PDB file of N, CA and C in Angstrom:
ATOM      1  N   MET A   1     -20.412  46.271 -47.923  1.00  0.00           N
ATOM      2  CA  MET A   1     -19.116  46.000 -47.095  1.00  0.00           C
ATOM      3  C   MET A   1     -18.889  45.256 -45.767  1.00  0.00           C
ATOM      4  N   ILE A   2     -20.228  45.752 -44.833  1.00  0.00           N
ATOM      5  CA  ILE A   2     -20.122  45.317 -43.528  1.00  0.00           C
ATOM      6  C   ILE A   2     -20.754  43.756 -43.793  1.00  0.00           C
ATOM      7  N   GLN A   3     -21.993  43.905 -44.559  1.00  0.00           N
ATOM      8  CA  GLN A   3     -22.550  42.717 -44.528  1.00  0.00           C
ATOM      9  C   GLN A   3     -21.389  41.214 -45.113  1.00  0.00           C
ATOM     10  N   LYS A   4     -20.448  42.110 -45.968  1.00  0.00           N
ATOM     11  CA  LYS A   4     -19.685  40.771 -46.398  1.00  0.00           C
ATOM     12  C   LYS A   4     -18.452  40.681 -45.394  1.00  0.00           C
ATOM     13  N   GLY A   5     -18.709  41.304 -44.436  1.00  0.00           N
ATOM     14  CA  GLY A   5     -17.515  40.782 -43.104  1.00  0.00           C
ATOM     15  C   GLY A   5     -16.525  41.713 -42.982  1.00  0.00           C
ATOM     16  N   ALA A   6     -16.492  43.262 -43.605  1.00  0.00           N
ATOM     17  CA  ALA A   6     -15.705  44.358 -42.997  1.00  0.00           C
ATOM     18  C   ALA A   6     -16.522  44.759 -41.188  1.00  0.00           C
ATOM     19  N   THR A   7     -15.462  45.160 -40.597  1.00  0.00           N
ATOM     20  CA  THR A   7     -15.581  45.774 -39.157  1.00  0.00           C
ATOM     21  C   THR A   7     -16.570  47.473 -39.698  1.00  0.00           C
ATOM     22  N   LEU A   8     -17.251  47.526 -38.835  1.00  0.00           N
ATOM     23  CA  LEU A   8     -17.821  49.089 -38.593  1.00  0.00           C
ATOM     24  C   LEU A   8     -17.392  49.268 -37.148  1.00  0.00           C
ATOM     25  N   ILE A   9     -16.439  50.387 -37.660  1.00  0.00           N
ATOM     26  CA  ILE A   9     -15.630  50.951 -36.493  1.00  0.00           C
ATOM     27  C   ILE A   9     -16.027  52.571 -36.528  1.00  0.00           C
ATOM     28  N   GLY A  10     -16.571  53.000 -35.532  1.00  0.00           N
ATOM     29  CA  GLY A  10     -17.302  54.197 -34.755  1.00  0.00           C
ATOM     30  C   GLY A  10     -16.414  54.952 -34.199  1.00  0.00           C
ATOM     31  N   THR A  11     -15.831  56.311 -34.416  1.00  0.00           N
ATOM     32  CA  THR A  11     -14.718  57.051 -33.755  1.00  0.00           C
ATOM     33  C   THR A  11     -16.072  57.171 -31.908  1.00  0.00           C
ATOM     34  N   ASN A  12     -17.185  57.646 -32.119  1.00  0.00           N
ATOM     35  CA  ASN A  12     -17.670  58.099 -30.754  1.00  0.00           C
ATOM     36  C   ASN A  12     -18.977  57.848 -31.251  1.00  0.00           C
ATOM     37  N   ALA A  13     -19.797  57.923 -30.509  1.00  0.00           N
ATOM     38  CA  ALA A  13     -21.131  57.577 -30.092  1.00  0.00           C
ATOM     39  C   ALA A  13     -22.337  58.588 -29.979  1.00  0.00           C
ATOM     40  N   ASP A  14     -21.876  59.938 -30.354  1.00  0.00           N
ATOM     41  CA  ASP A  14     -22.226  61.463 -29.816  1.00  0.00           C
ATOM     42  C   ASP A  14     -23.693  61.015 -30.896  1.00  0.00           C
ATOM     43  N   ARG A  15     -25.165  61.357 -30.505  1.00  0.00           N
ATOM     44  CA  ARG A  15     -25.783  60.962 -30.991  1.00  0.00           C
ATOM     45  C   ARG A  15     -26.233  62.422 -31.688  1.00  0.00           C
ATOM     46  N   ARG A  16     -26.198  63.810 -31.055  1.00  0.00           N
ATOM     47  CA  ARG A  16     -26.432  65.047 -31.760  1.00  0.00           C
ATOM     48  C   ARG A  16     -25.061  65.649 -31.244  1.00  0.00           C
ATOM     49  N   LEU A  17     -24.385  67.025 -31.880  1.00  0.00           N
ATOM     50  CA  LEU A  17     -23.553  67.799 -31.503  1.00  0.00           C
ATOM     51  C   LEU A  17     -24.392  69.405 -31.534  1.00  0.00           C
ATOM     52  N   PRO A  18     -23.988  70.134 -30.705  1.00  0.00           N
ATOM     53  CA  PRO A  18     -24.497  71.415 -30.285  1.00  0.00           C
ATOM     54  C   PRO A  18     -23.848  72.135 -31.586  1.00  0.00           C
ATOM     55  N   HIS A  19     -24.774  73.014 -32.524  1.00  0.00           N
ATOM     56  CA  HIS A  19     -24.635  74.002 -33.527  1.00  0.00           C
ATOM     57  C   HIS A  19     -25.405  74.901 -33.243  1.00  0.00           C
ATOM     58  N   GLY A  20     -25.149  76.539 -32.959  1.00  0.00           N
ATOM     59  CA  GLY A  20     -25.998  77.284 -33.208  1.00  0.00           C
ATOM     60  C   GLY A  20     -26.767  77.304 -32.006  1.00  0.00           C
ATOM     61  N   ASP A  21     -28.024  77.468 -32.550  1.00  0.00           N
ATOM     62  CA  ASP A  21     -29.167  77.545 -31.528  1.00  0.00           C
ATOM     63  C   ASP A  21     -29.741  76.168 -31.630  1.00  0.00           C
ATOM     64  N   GLY A  22     -29.189  75.328 -32.273  1.00  0.00           N
ATOM     65  CA  GLY A  22     -29.539  73.824 -32.234  1.00  0.00           C
ATOM     66  C   GLY A  22     -28.576  72.769 -32.380  1.00  0.00           C
ATOM     67  N   TYR A  23     -28.752  71.641 -33.067  1.00  0.00           N
ATOM     68  CA  TYR A  23     -27.786  70.581 -33.192  1.00  0.00           C
ATOM     69  C   TYR A  23     -27.984  70.117 -34.733  1.00  0.00           C
ATOM     70  N   ARG A  24     -26.575  69.299 -34.862  1.00  0.00           N
ATOM     71  CA  ARG A  24     -26.541  68.711 -35.960  1.00  0.00           C
ATOM     72  C   ARG A  24     -26.288  67.001 -35.688  1.00  0.00           C
ATOM     73  N   ILE A  25     -26.542  66.228 -36.228  1.00  0.00           N
ATOM     74  CA  ILE A  25     -26.399  64.829 -36.456  1.00  0.00           C
ATOM     75  C   ILE A  25     -24.956  64.470 -36.258  1.00  0.00           C
ATOM     76  N   GLY A  26     -24.833  63.643 -34.681  1.00  0.00           N
ATOM     77  CA  GLY A  26     -23.924  63.254 -34.244  1.00  0.00           C
ATOM     78  C   GLY A  26     -23.280  61.924 -34.887  1.00  0.00           C
ATOM     79  N   ASN A  27     -21.951  61.591 -35.224  1.00  0.00           N
ATOM     80  CA  ASN A  27     -21.091  60.242 -35.648  1.00  0.00           C
ATOM     81  C   ASN A  27     -22.089  58.738 -35.209  1.00  0.00           C
ATOM     82  N   GLY A  28     -22.629  59.087 -33.810  1.00  0.00           N
ATOM     83  CA  GLY A  28     -23.118  57.851 -32.722  1.00  0.00           C
ATOM     84  C   GLY A  28     -24.338  57.801 -33.892  1.00  0.00           C
ATOM     85  N   ALA A  29     -24.947  58.505 -34.205  1.00  0.00           N
ATOM     86  CA  ALA A  29     -26.361  58.588 -34.987  1.00  0.00           C
ATOM     87  C   ALA A  29     -25.790  57.752 -36.507  1.00  0.00           C
ATOM     88  N   ILE A  30     -25.039  57.889 -37.384  1.00  0.00           N
ATOM     89  CA  ILE A  30     -24.702  57.617 -38.325  1.00  0.00           C
ATOM     90  C   ILE A  30     -24.108  55.971 -38.123  1.00  0.00           C
ATOM     91  N   VAL A  31     -23.239  55.967 -37.107  1.00  0.00           N
ATOM     92  CA  VAL A  31     -22.893  54.541 -36.913  1.00  0.00           C
ATOM     93  C   VAL A  31     -24.137  53.792 -36.938  1.00  0.00           C
ATOM     94  N   ALA A  32     -24.964  54.404 -35.830  1.00  0.00           N
ATOM     95  CA  ALA A  32     -26.313  53.072 -35.409  1.00  0.00           C
ATOM     96  C   ALA A  32     -27.435  53.037 -36.645  1.00  0.00           C
ATOM     97  N   MET A  33     -27.211  54.094 -37.812  1.00  0.00           N
ATOM     98  CA  MET A  33     -28.077  54.068 -39.162  1.00  0.00           C
ATOM     99  C   MET A  33     -27.241  52.713 -39.605  1.00  0.00           C
ATOM    100  N   PHE A  34     -25.757  52.746 -39.813  1.00  0.00           N
ATOM    101  CA  PHE A  34     -24.906  51.720 -40.387  1.00  0.00           C
ATOM    102  C   PHE A  34     -25.269  50.315 -40.195  1.00  0.00           C
ATOM    103  N   GLN A  35     -25.197  50.224 -38.194  1.00  0.00           N
ATOM    104  CA  GLN A  35     -25.658  49.155 -37.792  1.00  0.00           C
ATOM    105  C   GLN A  35     -27.056  48.330 -37.620  1.00  0.00           C
ATOM    106  N   TYR A  36     -28.119  49.057 -37.684  1.00  0.00           N
ATOM    107  CA  TYR A  36     -29.326  48.906 -38.340  1.00  0.00           C
ATOM    108  C   TYR A  36     -29.217  47.997 -39.476  1.00  0.00           C
ATOM    109  N   ALA A  37     -28.654  49.035 -40.325  1.00  0.00           N
ATOM    110  CA  ALA A  37     -28.858  48.550 -41.806  1.00  0.00           C
ATOM    111  C   ALA A  37     -28.247  47.235 -42.208  1.00  0.00           C
ATOM    112  N   SER A  38     -27.174  46.842 -41.900  1.00  0.00           N
ATOM    113  CA  SER A  38     -26.378  45.783 -41.598  1.00  0.00           C
ATOM    114  C   SER A  38     -26.652  44.632 -41.078  1.00  0.00           C
ATOM    115  N   GLU A  39     -27.754  45.092 -39.951  1.00  0.00           N
ATOM    116  CA  GLU A  39     -27.943  44.014 -38.908  1.00  0.00           C
ATOM    117  C   GLU A  39     -26.930  43.912 -38.066  1.00  0.00           C
ATOM    118  N   SER A  40     -25.517  44.761 -37.699  1.00  0.00           N
ATOM    119  CA  SER A  40     -24.718  44.021 -37.081  1.00  0.00           C
ATOM    120  C   SER A  40     -24.152  45.072 -36.202  1.00  0.00           C
ATOM    121  N   GLU A  41     -23.159  44.921 -35.642  1.00  0.00           N
ATOM    122  CA  GLU A  41     -22.750  45.799 -33.824  1.00  0.00           C
ATOM    123  C   GLU A  41     -21.369  46.292 -34.842  1.00  0.00           C
ATOM    124  N   GLY A  42     -21.502  47.381 -34.635  1.00  0.00           N
ATOM    125  CA  GLY A  42     -20.175  48.287 -34.850  1.00  0.00           C
ATOM    126  C   GLY A  42     -19.734  48.352 -33.214  1.00  0.00           C
ATOM    127  N   LEU A  43     -18.101  48.791 -33.863  1.00  0.00           N
ATOM    128  CA  LEU A  43     -17.246  48.999 -32.564  1.00  0.00           C
ATOM    129  C   LEU A  43     -17.090  50.360 -32.435  1.00  0.00           C
ATOM    130  N   ILE A  44     -17.325  50.900 -31.046  1.00  0.00           N
ATOM    131  CA  ILE A  44     -16.764  52.485 -30.971  1.00  0.00           C
ATOM    132  C   ILE A  44     -15.512  52.620 -30.091  1.00  0.00           C
ATOM    133  N   ILE A  45     -14.724  53.341 -30.576  1.00  0.00           N
ATOM    134  CA  ILE A  45     -13.370  53.035 -30.165  1.00  0.00           C
ATOM    135  C   ILE A  45     -12.954  54.693 -29.196  1.00  0.00           C
ATOM    136  N   GLY A  46     -14.125  55.453 -29.503  1.00  0.00           N
ATOM    137  CA  GLY A  46     -13.951  56.593 -28.715  1.00  0.00           C
ATOM    138  C   GLY A  46     -14.579  56.611 -27.382  1.00  0.00           C
ATOM    139  N   LYS A  47     -14.803  57.646 -26.788  1.00  0.00           N
ATOM    140  CA  LYS A  47     -15.671  57.872 -25.719  1.00  0.00           C
ATOM    141  C   LYS A  47     -16.945  57.195 -25.688  1.00  0.00           C
ATOM    142  N   PRO A  48     -17.539  56.767 -24.688  1.00  0.00           N
ATOM    143  CA  PRO A  48     -16.970  56.226 -23.467  1.00  0.00           C
ATOM    144  C   PRO A  48     -16.029  54.940 -23.572  1.00  0.00           C
ATOM    145  N   ASN A  49     -15.269  54.702 -24.433  1.00  0.00           N
ATOM    146  CA  ASN A  49     -14.630  53.180 -24.584  1.00  0.00           C
ATOM    147  C   ASN A  49     -13.266  53.308 -23.576  1.00  0.00           C
ATOM    148  N   GLU A  50     -13.373  52.278 -22.712  1.00  0.00           N
ATOM    149  CA  GLU A  50     -12.352  52.090 -21.911  1.00  0.00           C
ATOM    150  C   GLU A  50     -11.091  52.009 -22.488  1.00  0.00           C
ATOM    151  N   ALA A  51     -10.806  51.419 -23.875  1.00  0.00           N
ATOM    152  CA  ALA A  51      -9.275  51.965 -24.499  1.00  0.00           C
ATOM    153  C   ALA A  51      -8.933  53.266 -24.827  1.00  0.00           C
ATOM    154  N   MET A  52      -9.581  54.086 -25.164  1.00  0.00           N
ATOM    155  CA  MET A  52      -9.029  55.498 -25.002  1.00  0.00           C
ATOM    156  C   MET A  52      -8.761  56.192 -24.097  1.00  0.00           C
ATOM    157  N   MET A  53      -9.574  55.821 -22.781  1.00  0.00           N
ATOM    158  CA  MET A  53      -9.119  56.404 -21.449  1.00  0.00           C
ATOM    159  C   MET A  53      -7.510  55.571 -21.236  1.00  0.00           C
ATOM    160  N   LYS A  54      -7.350  54.204 -21.306  1.00  0.00           N
ATOM    161  CA  LYS A  54      -6.337  53.922 -21.006  1.00  0.00           C
ATOM    162  C   LYS A  54      -5.424  54.629 -21.930  1.00  0.00           C
ATOM    163  N   GLU A  55      -5.236  54.822 -23.030  1.00  0.00           N
ATOM    164  CA  GLU A  55      -4.485  55.383 -24.180  1.00  0.00           C
ATOM    165  C   GLU A  55      -4.133  56.851 -23.506  1.00  0.00           C
ATOM    166  N   ALA A  56      -5.422  57.680 -23.574  1.00  0.00           N
ATOM    167  CA  ALA A  56      -4.989  58.830 -23.021  1.00  0.00           C
ATOM    168  C   ALA A  56      -4.260  59.268 -21.657  1.00  0.00           C
ATOM    169  N   LEU A  57      -4.418  58.113 -21.101  1.00  0.00           N
ATOM    170  CA  LEU A  57      -3.661  58.276 -19.277  1.00  0.00           C
ATOM    171  C   LEU A  57      -2.308  57.911 -19.533  1.00  0.00           C
ATOM    172  N   SER A  58      -1.768  56.544 -20.429  1.00  0.00           N
ATOM    173  CA  SER A  58      -0.833  56.507 -20.924  1.00  0.00           C
ATOM    174  C   SER A  58      -0.111  57.280 -21.521  1.00  0.00           C
ATOM    175  N   PHE A  59      -0.531  58.240 -22.515  1.00  0.00           N
ATOM    176  CA  PHE A  59       0.471  59.147 -23.354  1.00  0.00           C
ATOM    177  C   PHE A  59       0.473  60.292 -22.362  1.00  0.00           C
ATOM    178  N   ALA A  60      -0.225  60.366 -21.425  1.00  0.00           N
ATOM    179  CA  ALA A  60       0.023  61.759 -20.432  1.00  0.00           C
ATOM    180  C   ALA A  60       1.061  61.324 -19.667  1.00  0.00           C
ATOM    181  N   HIS A  61       1.133  59.922 -19.085  1.00  0.00           N
ATOM    182  CA  HIS A  61       1.960  59.481 -17.797  1.00  0.00           C
ATOM    183  C   HIS A  61       1.174  59.823 -16.356  1.00  0.00           C
ATOM    184  N   VAL A  62      -0.131  59.869 -16.531  1.00  0.00           N
ATOM    185  CA  VAL A  62      -0.648  59.997 -15.224  1.00  0.00           C
ATOM    186  C   VAL A  62      -1.366  59.026 -14.823  1.00  0.00           C
ATOM    187  N   ASP A  63      -2.220  59.035 -13.775  1.00  0.00           N
ATOM    188  CA  ASP A  63      -2.822  58.155 -13.253  1.00  0.00           C
ATOM    189  C   ASP A  63      -4.554  58.535 -13.096  1.00  0.00           C
ATOM    190  N   ALA A  64      -5.482  57.820 -13.656  1.00  0.00           N
ATOM    191  CA  ALA A  64      -6.558  58.331 -13.423  1.00  0.00           C
ATOM    192  C   ALA A  64      -7.332  59.339 -12.344  1.00  0.00           C
ATOM    193  N   SER A  65      -6.582  59.136 -10.993  1.00  0.00           N
ATOM    194  CA  SER A  65      -6.852  59.519  -9.688  1.00  0.00           C
ATOM    195  C   SER A  65      -6.335  61.285 -10.093  1.00  0.00           C
ATOM    196  N   HIS A  66      -5.562  61.322 -10.680  1.00  0.00           N
ATOM    197  CA  HIS A  66      -5.070  62.919 -11.202  1.00  0.00           C
ATOM    198  C   HIS A  66      -5.470  63.840 -12.082  1.00  0.00           C
ATOM    199  N   CYS A  67      -6.805  62.928 -12.701  1.00  0.00           N
ATOM    200  CA  CYS A  67      -7.547  63.677 -13.886  1.00  0.00           C
ATOM    201  C   CYS A  67      -9.030  64.108 -13.468  1.00  0.00           C
ATOM    202  N   VAL A  68      -9.373  64.800 -14.288  1.00  0.00           N
ATOM    203  CA  VAL A  68     -10.958  65.370 -14.198  1.00  0.00           C
ATOM    204  C   VAL A  68     -11.041  65.191 -15.828  1.00  0.00           C
ATOM    205  N   MET A  69     -12.188  64.837 -16.028  1.00  0.00           N
ATOM    206  CA  MET A  69     -13.516  65.062 -17.394  1.00  0.00           C
ATOM    207  C   MET A  69     -14.031  65.722 -17.154  1.00  0.00           C
ATOM    208  N   ILE A  70     -14.060  67.037 -18.076  1.00  0.00           N
ATOM    209  CA  ILE A  70     -15.127  67.815 -17.998  1.00  0.00           C
ATOM    210  C   ILE A  70     -16.001  67.660 -19.566  1.00  0.00           C
ATOM    211  N   GLY A  71     -17.077  67.864 -19.468  1.00  0.00           N
ATOM    212  CA  GLY A  71     -17.913  67.532 -20.679  1.00  0.00           C
ATOM    213  C   GLY A  71     -19.680  68.127 -20.701  1.00  0.00           C
ATOM    214  N   ASP A  72     -20.140  68.149 -21.769  1.00  0.00           N
ATOM    215  CA  ASP A  72     -21.681  68.493 -21.599  1.00  0.00           C
ATOM    216  C   ASP A  72     -22.270  67.264 -22.636  1.00  0.00           C
ATOM    217  N   ASN A  73     -21.794  66.145 -22.796  1.00  0.00           N
ATOM    218  CA  ASN A  73     -22.748  64.937 -23.254  1.00  0.00           C
ATOM    219  C   ASN A  73     -22.683  64.138 -22.191  1.00  0.00           C
ATOM    220  N   LEU A  74     -23.657  63.807 -21.416  1.00  0.00           N
ATOM    221  CA  LEU A  74     -23.907  62.714 -20.496  1.00  0.00           C
ATOM    222  C   LEU A  74     -23.275  61.463 -20.863  1.00  0.00           C
ATOM    223  N   GLU A  75     -23.772  61.317 -22.090  1.00  0.00           N
ATOM    224  CA  GLU A  75     -23.436  59.670 -22.779  1.00  0.00           C
ATOM    225  C   GLU A  75     -22.132  59.485 -23.261  1.00  0.00           C
ATOM    226  N   THR A  76     -21.307  60.666 -23.534  1.00  0.00           N
ATOM    227  CA  THR A  76     -20.055  60.224 -23.756  1.00  0.00           C
ATOM    228  C   THR A  76     -18.882  60.628 -22.728  1.00  0.00           C
ATOM    229  N   ASP A  77     -19.098  61.997 -22.804  1.00  0.00           N
ATOM    230  CA  ASP A  77     -18.273  62.321 -21.928  1.00  0.00           C
ATOM    231  C   ASP A  77     -17.998  62.067 -20.356  1.00  0.00           C
ATOM    232  N   ILE A  78     -19.445  62.619 -19.705  1.00  0.00           N
ATOM    233  CA  ILE A  78     -19.572  61.986 -18.675  1.00  0.00           C
ATOM    234  C   ILE A  78     -19.340  60.327 -18.168  1.00  0.00           C
ATOM    235  N   LEU A  79     -19.863  59.812 -19.031  1.00  0.00           N
ATOM    236  CA  LEU A  79     -19.850  58.239 -18.606  1.00  0.00           C
ATOM    237  C   LEU A  79     -18.446  57.633 -18.954  1.00  0.00           C
ATOM    238  N   PHE A  80     -17.643  58.333 -19.853  1.00  0.00           N
ATOM    239  CA  PHE A  80     -16.299  58.375 -20.150  1.00  0.00           C
ATOM    240  C   PHE A  80     -15.367  58.158 -18.883  1.00  0.00           C
ATOM    241  N   GLY A  81     -15.561  59.655 -17.965  1.00  0.00           N
ATOM    242  CA  GLY A  81     -15.501  59.299 -16.540  1.00  0.00           C
ATOM    243  C   GLY A  81     -15.808  58.857 -15.409  1.00  0.00           C
ATOM    244  N   ILE A  82     -17.019  58.317 -15.432  1.00  0.00           N
ATOM    245  CA  ILE A  82     -17.576  57.538 -14.696  1.00  0.00           C
ATOM    246  C   ILE A  82     -17.205  56.085 -14.923  1.00  0.00           C
ATOM    247  N   GLN A  83     -17.027  55.653 -16.114  1.00  0.00           N
ATOM    248  CA  GLN A  83     -16.740  54.194 -16.069  1.00  0.00           C
ATOM    249  C   GLN A  83     -15.336  54.121 -15.976  1.00  0.00           C
ATOM    250  N   ASN A  84     -14.603  55.090 -15.837  1.00  0.00           N
ATOM    251  CA  ASN A  84     -13.144  54.923 -16.077  1.00  0.00           C
ATOM    252  C   ASN A  84     -12.670  55.707 -14.566  1.00  0.00           C
ATOM    253  N   GLN A  85     -13.311  55.629 -13.367  1.00  0.00           N
ATOM    254  CA  GLN A  85     -12.556  56.016 -12.146  1.00  0.00           C
ATOM    255  C   GLN A  85     -12.365  57.372 -12.368  1.00  0.00           C
ATOM    256  N   VAL A  86     -12.830  58.363 -12.997  1.00  0.00           N
ATOM    257  CA  VAL A  86     -11.949  59.718 -13.474  1.00  0.00           C
ATOM    258  C   VAL A  86     -13.186  60.816 -12.921  1.00  0.00           C
ATOM    259  N   GLU A  87     -12.360  62.005 -11.884  1.00  0.00           N
ATOM    260  CA  GLU A  87     -13.713  62.391 -11.453  1.00  0.00           C
ATOM    261  C   GLU A  87     -14.337  63.334 -12.728  1.00  0.00           C
ATOM    262  N   THR A  88     -15.784  63.851 -12.729  1.00  0.00           N
ATOM    263  CA  THR A  88     -16.536  64.286 -13.612  1.00  0.00           C
ATOM    264  C   THR A  88     -16.777  65.743 -13.449  1.00  0.00           C
ATOM    265  N   ILE A  89     -16.753  66.435 -14.392  1.00  0.00           N
ATOM    266  CA  ILE A  89     -17.358  67.864 -14.171  1.00  0.00           C
ATOM    267  C   ILE A  89     -18.285  67.939 -15.442  1.00  0.00           C
ATOM    268  N   PHE A  90     -19.874  68.396 -14.969  1.00  0.00           N
ATOM    269  CA  PHE A  90     -20.498  67.890 -16.190  1.00  0.00           C
ATOM    270  C   PHE A  90     -20.728  69.646 -16.436  1.00  0.00           C
ATOM    271  N   VAL A  91     -21.112  70.155 -17.489  1.00  0.00           N
ATOM    272  CA  VAL A  91     -21.259  71.566 -18.390  1.00  0.00           C
ATOM    273  C   VAL A  91     -22.855  71.403 -18.629  1.00  0.00           C
ATOM    274  N   THR A  92     -23.634  72.183 -18.039  1.00  0.00           N
ATOM    275  CA  THR A  92     -25.024  71.724 -18.379  1.00  0.00           C
ATOM    276  C   THR A  92     -25.459  72.938 -19.750  1.00  0.00           C
ATOM    277  N   SER A  93     -24.438  73.166 -20.331  1.00  0.00           N
ATOM    278  CA  SER A  93     -24.079  74.334 -21.488  1.00  0.00           C
ATOM    279  C   SER A  93     -24.238  74.026 -22.859  1.00  0.00           C
ATOM    280  N   GLY A  94     -24.195  72.553 -23.079  1.00  0.00           N
ATOM    281  CA  GLY A  94     -23.959  71.738 -24.420  1.00  0.00           C
ATOM    282  C   GLY A  94     -25.412  70.816 -24.718  1.00  0.00           C
ATOM    283  N   VAL A  95     -24.983  69.619 -25.021  1.00  0.00           N
ATOM    284  CA  VAL A  95     -25.649  68.726 -25.446  1.00  0.00           C
ATOM    285  C   VAL A  95     -26.873  68.233 -23.936  1.00  0.00           C
ATOM    286  N   HIS A  96     -26.573  67.887 -23.096  1.00  0.00           N
ATOM    287  CA  HIS A  96     -27.464  67.680 -22.057  1.00  0.00           C
ATOM    288  C   HIS A  96     -27.714  68.927 -20.989  1.00  0.00           C
ATOM    289  N   ASP A  97     -28.382  68.662 -20.007  1.00  0.00           N
ATOM    290  CA  ASP A  97     -28.839  69.482 -18.774  1.00  0.00           C
ATOM    291  C   ASP A  97     -28.920  68.910 -17.704  1.00  0.00           C
ATOM    292  N   GLU A  98     -29.424  69.330 -16.468  1.00  0.00           N
ATOM    293  CA  GLU A  98     -29.507  69.315 -15.218  1.00  0.00           C
ATOM    294  C   GLU A  98     -30.664  67.860 -15.093  1.00  0.00           C
ATOM    295  N   HIS A  99     -31.715  68.234 -15.789  1.00  0.00           N
ATOM    296  CA  HIS A  99     -32.575  67.419 -16.085  1.00  0.00           C
ATOM    297  C   HIS A  99     -32.738  65.992 -16.790  1.00  0.00           C
ATOM    298  N   ASP A 100     -31.704  65.731 -17.582  1.00  0.00           N
ATOM    299  CA  ASP A 100     -31.461  64.770 -18.195  1.00  0.00           C
ATOM    300  C   ASP A 100     -30.254  64.079 -17.413  1.00  0.00           C
ATOM    301  N   ALA A 101     -29.688  64.496 -16.650  1.00  0.00           N
ATOM    302  CA  ALA A 101     -28.998  63.784 -15.713  1.00  0.00           C
ATOM    303  C   ALA A 101     -29.910  62.619 -14.636  1.00  0.00           C
ATOM    304  N   LYS A 102     -30.563  63.593 -14.053  1.00  0.00           N
ATOM    305  CA  LYS A 102     -31.955  63.038 -13.413  1.00  0.00           C
ATOM    306  C   LYS A 102     -32.209  61.762 -13.978  1.00  0.00           C
ATOM    307  N   ARG A 103     -33.012  62.210 -15.741  1.00  0.00           N
ATOM    308  CA  ARG A 103     -33.766  61.380 -16.286  1.00  0.00           C
ATOM    309  C   ARG A 103     -32.910  59.897 -16.587  1.00  0.00           C
ATOM    310  N   MET A 104     -31.902  60.289 -16.928  1.00  0.00           N
ATOM    311  CA  MET A 104     -30.995  59.241 -17.394  1.00  0.00           C
ATOM    312  C   MET A 104     -30.312  58.442 -16.317  1.00  0.00           C
ATOM    313  N   ASP A 105     -30.446  59.018 -15.016  1.00  0.00           N
ATOM    314  CA  ASP A 105     -29.650  58.413 -13.916  1.00  0.00           C
ATOM    315  C   ASP A 105     -27.981  58.623 -14.341  1.00  0.00           C
ATOM    316  N   ILE A 106     -27.364  59.272 -14.755  1.00  0.00           N
ATOM    317  CA  ILE A 106     -25.715  59.873 -14.814  1.00  0.00           C
ATOM    318  C   ILE A 106     -25.907  60.656 -14.003  1.00  0.00           C
ATOM    319  N   GLN A 107     -24.833  60.522 -12.845  1.00  0.00           N
ATOM    320  CA  GLN A 107     -24.640  61.332 -11.741  1.00  0.00           C
ATOM    321  C   GLN A 107     -22.853  61.606 -11.972  1.00  0.00           C
ATOM    322  N   PRO A 108     -22.582  63.043 -12.613  1.00  0.00           N
ATOM    323  CA  PRO A 108     -21.340  63.653 -12.591  1.00  0.00           C
ATOM    324  C   PRO A 108     -21.064  64.076 -10.730  1.00  0.00           C
ATOM    325  N   ASP A 109     -19.824  63.927 -10.790  1.00  0.00           N
ATOM    326  CA  ASP A 109     -19.389  64.315  -9.428  1.00  0.00           C
ATOM    327  C   ASP A 109     -19.696  65.923  -9.486  1.00  0.00           C
ATOM    328  N   ILE A 110     -19.477  66.341 -10.324  1.00  0.00           N
ATOM    329  CA  ILE A 110     -20.110  68.119 -10.069  1.00  0.00           C
ATOM    330  C   ILE A 110     -20.705  68.722 -11.408  1.00  0.00           C
ATOM    331  N   ILE A 111     -21.766  69.468 -11.251  1.00  0.00           N
ATOM    332  CA  ILE A 111     -22.400  70.496 -12.333  1.00  0.00           C
ATOM    333  C   ILE A 111     -22.215  71.546 -12.106  1.00  0.00           C
ATOM    334  N   VAL A 112     -21.895  72.553 -13.412  1.00  0.00           N
ATOM    335  CA  VAL A 112     -22.206  73.761 -13.810  1.00  0.00           C
ATOM    336  C   VAL A 112     -22.863  74.025 -14.923  1.00  0.00           C
ATOM    337  N   HIS A 113     -22.762  75.305 -14.874  1.00  0.00           N
ATOM    338  CA  HIS A 113     -24.142  75.777 -15.641  1.00  0.00           C
ATOM    339  C   HIS A 113     -22.974  76.585 -17.000  1.00  0.00           C
ATOM    340  N   ASN A 114     -21.644  76.943 -16.911  1.00  0.00           N
ATOM    341  CA  ASN A 114     -21.097  77.392 -17.715  1.00  0.00           C
ATOM    342  C   ASN A 114     -19.546  77.296 -17.214  1.00  0.00           C
ATOM    343  N   LEU A 115     -18.410  77.071 -17.783  1.00  0.00           N
ATOM    344  CA  LEU A 115     -16.875  77.065 -17.473  1.00  0.00           C
ATOM    345  C   LEU A 115     -16.292  77.952 -16.717  1.00  0.00           C
ATOM    346  N   LYS A 116     -16.786  79.489 -16.638  1.00  0.00           N
ATOM    347  CA  LYS A 116     -16.388  80.308 -16.132  1.00  0.00           C
ATOM    348  C   LYS A 116     -16.684  80.234 -14.726  1.00  0.00           C
ATOM    349  N   GLU A 117     -17.713  79.312 -14.327  1.00  0.00           N
ATOM    350  CA  GLU A 117     -17.993  79.238 -12.886  1.00  0.00           C
ATOM    351  C   GLU A 117     -16.642  78.083 -12.289  1.00  0.00           C
ATOM    352  N   LEU A 118     -15.850  77.854 -12.982  1.00  0.00           N
ATOM    353  CA  LEU A 118     -14.701  77.038 -12.699  1.00  0.00           C
ATOM    354  C   LEU A 118     -13.342  77.670 -12.250  1.00  0.00           C
ATOM    355  N   ILE A 119     -13.468  79.048 -12.581  1.00  0.00           N
ATOM    356  CA  ILE A 119     -12.362  79.869 -12.674  1.00  0.00           C
ATOM    357  C   ILE A 119     -12.315  80.484 -11.086  1.00  0.00           C
TER     358      ILE A 119
END
C-alpha cells in the first residue's frame, strides 16, 4: 500500500520500551522496518514532533515557558522538550541513562535517578 502511494504515519519514534527487566520493541522500530522495506520516509506525528507540542500547549491553554517535560527517553521525551523550548527533566530509570545523554549529546536541564527526587 505504501509503494502504491499510501502515507506511512507513525505515532512515535520509540526504538524500545521498558518492560520488566528488559525491553519490548517500540513503535519507532516498526515504522523504521516499513520505511526500509518500502524505500520511503514515514511521518512521525508524536514526540518529538513540534505539531504535537503545539497541540498540547493549545489544548492546555499554556505557554511553553510554563511547562516541563519529564521523561526517560532521550530521543523522544527529552528531545521533545529541547526542540520545543520546554524545560526538561530526564529520569534515568527507564530507556536511557546518564551515559547515553553524554554519548548522544542530548543535554536535559535536570537529571534525576527516580521521580522521588522531585518530591
